[in-house]
Amino acid sequence: MANNYCTITNSDASLSKRFKAVQMRPVFEKTFNSEKVSGGGLDITVGGVYKSWQLVFRVRYEHSDEYPEEYGLYDDLVTMYGYNNPNGTPSNALTLVDWWGNTHSPCYLVGRMVPEPLTTIIDGECANFIIPIEIIEKP
């Protein structure tokens, strides 16, 4: 049975949080090049197959009785997004445990992260944000 959250852990396990997903879309991308050749054939070069997830998380700004410590906050996601050094501790490699309990590693947060407040309350335990992200798994 699936959960309504996934877990993201940084490379040294110093930060591991559940994030509630309001939307999840798996994306499969096959890389290849094709070229028509003068003899009428087709020259195809096949590359890797990549899996990523386009996710929309609902996160709080602060913990409350209804939002326990194991769930990630706004700042936790911003911190994980900020990991940018492949040789750092923690590095930019993350581990994703998906909704069915499957582990994907290493994964990387890619693209833009644009948090949107749900209301005009932007701090405190009542503040909620919708944050779309994309995370890609290294094949």
C-alpha atoms as a PDB file:
ATOM      1  CA  MET A   1       0.000   0.000   0.000  1.00  0.00           C
ATOM      2  CA  ALA A   2       1.307   3.430  -0.920  1.00  0.00           C
ATOM      3  CA  ASN A   3       2.021   6.258   1.510  1.00  0.00           C
ATOM      4  CA  ASN A   4       1.087   9.898   0.970  1.00  0.00           C
ATOM      5  CA  TYR A   5       4.712  10.921   1.549  1.00  0.00           C
ATOM      6  CA  CYS A   6       8.213  10.155   0.373  1.00  0.00           C
ATOM      7  CA  THR A   7      11.436  10.368   2.368  1.00  0.00           C
ATOM      8  CA  ILE A   8      14.510  12.259   1.227  1.00  0.00           C
ATOM      9  CA  THR A   9      17.841  11.745   3.000  1.00  0.00           C
ATOM     10  CA  ASN A  10      21.102  13.601   2.392  1.00  0.00           C
ATOM     11  CA  SER A  11      24.369  11.780   1.675  1.00  0.00           C
ATOM     12  CA  ASP A  12      25.649  11.631   5.265  1.00  0.00           C
ATOM     13  CA  ALA A  13      22.184  10.945   6.769  1.00  0.00           C
ATOM     14  CA  SER A  14      22.375  14.095   8.892  1.00  0.00           C
ATOM     15  CA  LEU A  15      19.052  15.246   7.406  1.00  0.00           C
ATOM     16  CA  SER A  16      16.268  12.790   6.597  1.00  0.00           C
ATOM     17  CA  LYS A  17      12.684  13.992   6.285  1.00  0.00           C
ATOM     18  CA  ARG A  18       9.294  12.879   5.053  1.00  0.00           C
ATOM     19  CA  PHE A  19       7.579  15.180   2.593  1.00  0.00           C
ATOM     20  CA  LYS A  20       3.843  15.058   1.867  1.00  0.00           C
ATOM     21  CA  ALA A  21       3.177  14.984  -1.842  1.00  0.00           C
ATOM     22  CA  VAL A  22       0.062  16.523  -3.301  1.00  0.00           C
ATOM     23  CA  GLN A  23       1.134  15.526  -6.806  1.00  0.00           C
ATOM     24  CA  MET A  24       3.624  13.008  -8.184  1.00  0.00           C
ATOM     25  CA  ARG A  25       4.480  12.423 -11.811  1.00  0.00           C
ATOM     26  CA  PRO A  26       7.170   9.915 -12.820  1.00  0.00           C
ATOM     27  CA  VAL A  27       9.071  10.865 -15.980  1.00  0.00           C
ATOM     28  CA  PHE A  28      11.052   8.434 -18.140  1.00  0.00           C
ATOM     29  CA  GLU A  29      13.455   9.903 -20.674  1.00  0.00           C
ATOM     30  CA  LYS A  30      15.377   7.900 -23.252  1.00  0.00           C
ATOM     31  CA  THR A  31      18.271   9.777 -24.789  1.00  0.00           C
ATOM     32  CA  PHE A  32      19.184   9.094 -28.375  1.00  0.00           C
ATOM     33  CA  ASN A  33      20.218  10.823 -31.589  1.00  0.00           C
ATOM     34  CA  SER A  34      18.908   9.953 -35.018  1.00  0.00           C
ATOM     35  CA  GLU A  35      20.152  11.091 -38.392  1.00  0.00           C
ATOM     36  CA  LYS A  36      18.937  10.333 -41.897  1.00  0.00           C
ATOM     37  CA  VAL A  37      21.839   9.127 -43.995  1.00  0.00           C
ATOM     38  CA  SER A  38      22.340   9.683 -47.722  1.00  0.00           C
ATOM     39  CA  GLY A  39      21.671   6.029 -48.578  1.00  0.00           C
ATOM     40  CA  GLY A  40      18.125   6.348 -47.242  1.00  0.00           C
ATOM     41  CA  GLY A  41      18.778   4.688 -43.910  1.00  0.00           C
ATOM     42  CA  LEU A  42      18.583   5.948 -40.390  1.00  0.00           C
ATOM     43  CA  ASP A  43      21.592   6.161 -38.087  1.00  0.00           C
ATOM     44  CA  ILE A  44      20.540   5.900 -34.430  1.00  0.00           C
ATOM     45  CA  THR A  45      22.786   6.316 -31.402  1.00  0.00           C
ATOM     46  CA  VAL A  46      21.205   5.134 -28.164  1.00  0.00           C
ATOM     47  CA  GLY A  47      22.071   6.691 -24.798  1.00  0.00           C
ATOM     48  CA  GLY A  48      20.838   6.190 -21.259  1.00  0.00           C
ATOM     49  CA  VAL A  49      17.339   5.891 -19.878  1.00  0.00           C
ATOM     50  CA  TYR A  50      16.664   8.300 -17.034  1.00  0.00           C
ATOM     51  CA  LYS A  51      13.931   8.277 -14.420  1.00  0.00           C
ATOM     52  CA  SER A  52      12.867  11.391 -12.602  1.00  0.00           C
ATOM     53  CA  TRP A  53       9.907  12.551 -10.553  1.00  0.00           C
ATOM     54  CA  GLN A  54       8.129  15.865 -10.825  1.00  0.00           C
ATOM     55  CA  LEU A  55       6.758  16.377  -7.347  1.00  0.00           C
ATOM     56  CA  VAL A  56       4.630  18.963  -5.617  1.00  0.00           C
ATOM     57  CA  PHE A  57       5.126  19.010  -1.850  1.00  0.00           C
ATOM     58  CA  ARG A  58       3.011  20.711   0.760  1.00  0.00           C
ATOM     59  CA  VAL A  59       5.291  21.796   3.581  1.00  0.00           C
ATOM     60  CA  ARG A  60       4.953  23.840   6.727  1.00  0.00           C
ATOM     61  CA  TYR A  61       7.202  26.647   7.831  1.00  0.00           C
ATOM     62  CA  GLU A  62       7.358  25.359  11.451  1.00  0.00           C
ATOM     63  CA  HIS A  63       6.440  22.167  13.291  1.00  0.00           C
ATOM     64  CA  SER A  64       3.217  21.908  15.271  1.00  0.00           C
ATOM     65  CA  ASP A  65       1.283  19.182  17.105  1.00  0.00           C
ATOM     66  CA  GLU A  66      -0.387  18.242  13.803  1.00  0.00           C
ATOM     67  CA  TYR A  67       2.901  18.310  11.871  1.00  0.00           C
ATOM     68  CA  PRO A  68       5.461  16.129  13.683  1.00  0.00           C
ATOM     69  CA  GLU A  69       9.274  16.365  13.581  1.00  0.00           C
ATOM     70  CA  GLU A  70       9.771  13.571  11.032  1.00  0.00           C
ATOM     71  CA  TYR A  71       8.122  15.713   8.341  1.00  0.00           C
ATOM     72  CA  GLY A  72      10.254  18.173   6.443  1.00  0.00           C
ATOM     73  CA  LEU A  73       9.817  21.905   6.710  1.00  0.00           C
ATOM     74  CA  TYR A  74      10.306  24.677   4.184  1.00  0.00           C
ATOM     75  CA  ASP A  75      13.892  25.235   5.376  1.00  0.00           C
ATOM     76  CA  ASP A  76      14.725  21.504   5.162  1.00  0.00           C
ATOM     77  CA  LEU A  77      13.802  21.420   1.491  1.00  0.00           C
ATOM     78  CA  VAL A  78      15.700  24.660   0.802  1.00  0.00           C
ATOM     79  CA  THR A  79      18.750  23.165   2.560  1.00  0.00           C
ATOM     80  CA  MET A  80      18.610  19.974   0.472  1.00  0.00           C
ATOM     81  CA  TYR A  81      18.160  22.001  -2.703  1.00  0.00           C
ATOM     82  CA  GLY A  82      21.247  24.023  -1.781  1.00  0.00           C
ATOM     83  CA  TYR A  83      23.590  21.015  -1.721  1.00  0.00           C
ATOM     84  CA  ASN A  84      25.750  21.710  -4.743  1.00  0.00           C
ATOM     85  CA  ASN A  85      29.147  20.120  -4.086  1.00  0.00           C
ATOM     86  CA  PRO A  86      29.606  16.518  -5.266  1.00  0.00           C
ATOM     87  CA  ASN A  87      32.685  16.214  -3.008  1.00  0.00           C
ATOM     88  CA  GLY A  88      31.185  17.949   0.030  1.00  0.00           C
ATOM     89  CA  THR A  89      29.832  16.487   3.236  1.00  0.00           C
ATOM     90  CA  PRO A  90      26.955  16.214   2.710  1.00  0.00           C
ATOM     91  CA  SER A  91      27.256  16.034  -1.069  1.00  0.00           C
ATOM     92  CA  ASN A  92      24.572  16.851  -3.617  1.00  0.00           C
ATOM     93  CA  ALA A  93      23.586  13.154  -3.846  1.00  0.00           C
ATOM     94  CA  LEU A  94      20.329  12.273  -2.085  1.00  0.00           C
ATOM     95  CA  THR A  95      18.397   9.089  -1.370  1.00  0.00           C
ATOM     96  CA  LEU A  96      14.693   8.994  -2.204  1.00  0.00           C
ATOM     97  CA  VAL A  97      12.378   6.418  -0.637  1.00  0.00           C
ATOM     98  CA  ASP A  98       9.217   6.608  -2.707  1.00  0.00           C
ATOM     99  CA  TRP A  99       5.570   6.079  -1.793  1.00  0.00           C
ATOM    100  CA  TRP A 100       5.813   2.298  -2.155  1.00  0.00           C
ATOM    101  CA  GLY A 101       8.968   1.988  -0.036  1.00  0.00           C
ATOM    102  CA  ASN A 102      11.373   1.635  -2.993  1.00  0.00           C
ATOM    103  CA  THR A 103      14.811   3.196  -2.501  1.00  0.00           C
ATOM    104  CA  HIS A 104      16.372   5.281  -5.298  1.00  0.00           C
ATOM    105  CA  SER A 105      19.984   6.424  -4.945  1.00  0.00           C
ATOM    106  CA  PRO A 106      21.812   8.504  -5.897  1.00  0.00           C
ATOM    107  CA  CYS A 107      19.245  11.144  -6.775  1.00  0.00           C
ATOM    108  CA  TYR A 108      19.671  14.846  -7.411  1.00  0.00           C
ATOM    109  CA  LEU A 109      17.365  17.852  -7.102  1.00  0.00           C
ATOM    110  CA  VAL A 110      17.433  19.594 -10.487  1.00  0.00           C
ATOM    111  CA  GLY A 111      15.894  22.616 -12.131  1.00  0.00           C
ATOM    112  CA  ARG A 112      14.105  25.427 -10.362  1.00  0.00           C
ATOM    113  CA  MET A 113      12.401  25.383  -6.986  1.00  0.00           C
ATOM    114  CA  VAL A 114       9.643  27.998  -6.715  1.00  0.00           C
ATOM    115  CA  PRO A 115       7.853  27.924  -3.327  1.00  0.00           C
ATOM    116  CA  GLU A 116       4.313  29.316  -3.279  1.00  0.00           C
ATOM    117  CA  PRO A 117       2.627  30.305  -0.001  1.00  0.00           C
ATOM    118  CA  LEU A 118      -0.897  28.921   0.317  1.00  0.00           C
ATOM    119  CA  THR A 119      -2.102  32.014   2.171  1.00  0.00           C
ATOM    120  CA  THR A 120      -0.805  35.407   3.190  1.00  0.00           C
ATOM    121  CA  ILE A 121       0.684  33.795   6.335  1.00  0.00           C
ATOM    122  CA  ILE A 122       4.329  33.137   5.462  1.00  0.00           C
ATOM    123  CA  ASP A 123       5.869  32.199   8.813  1.00  0.00           C
ATOM    124  CA  GLY A 124       4.905  30.380  11.987  1.00  0.00           C
ATOM    125  CA  GLU A 125       3.259  26.987  12.424  1.00  0.00           C
ATOM    126  CA  CYS A 126       0.184  27.974  10.363  1.00  0.00           C
ATOM    127  CA  ALA A 127       2.206  28.861   7.257  1.00  0.00           C
ATOM    128  CA  ASN A 128       1.970  26.304   4.424  1.00  0.00           C
ATOM    129  CA  PHE A 129       3.815  26.272   1.134  1.00  0.00           C
ATOM    130  CA  ILE A 130       3.337  24.373  -2.107  1.00  0.00           C
ATOM    131  CA  ILE A 131       6.774  23.589  -3.542  1.00  0.00           C
ATOM    132  CA  PRO A 132       7.182  21.922  -6.937  1.00  0.00           C
ATOM    133  CA  ILE A 133      10.525  20.143  -7.424  1.00  0.00           C
ATOM    134  CA  GLU A 134      12.141  17.652  -9.744  1.00  0.00           C
ATOM    135  CA  ILE A 135      14.428  14.881  -8.555  1.00  0.00           C
ATOM    136  CA  ILE A 136      16.360  12.672 -10.983  1.00  0.00           C
ATOM    137  CA  GLU A 137      17.907   9.264 -10.326  1.00  0.00           C
ATOM    138  CA  LYS A 138      21.363   8.534 -11.711  1.00  0.00           C
ATOM    139  CA  PRO A 139      21.146   5.394 -13.865  1.00  0.00           C
END
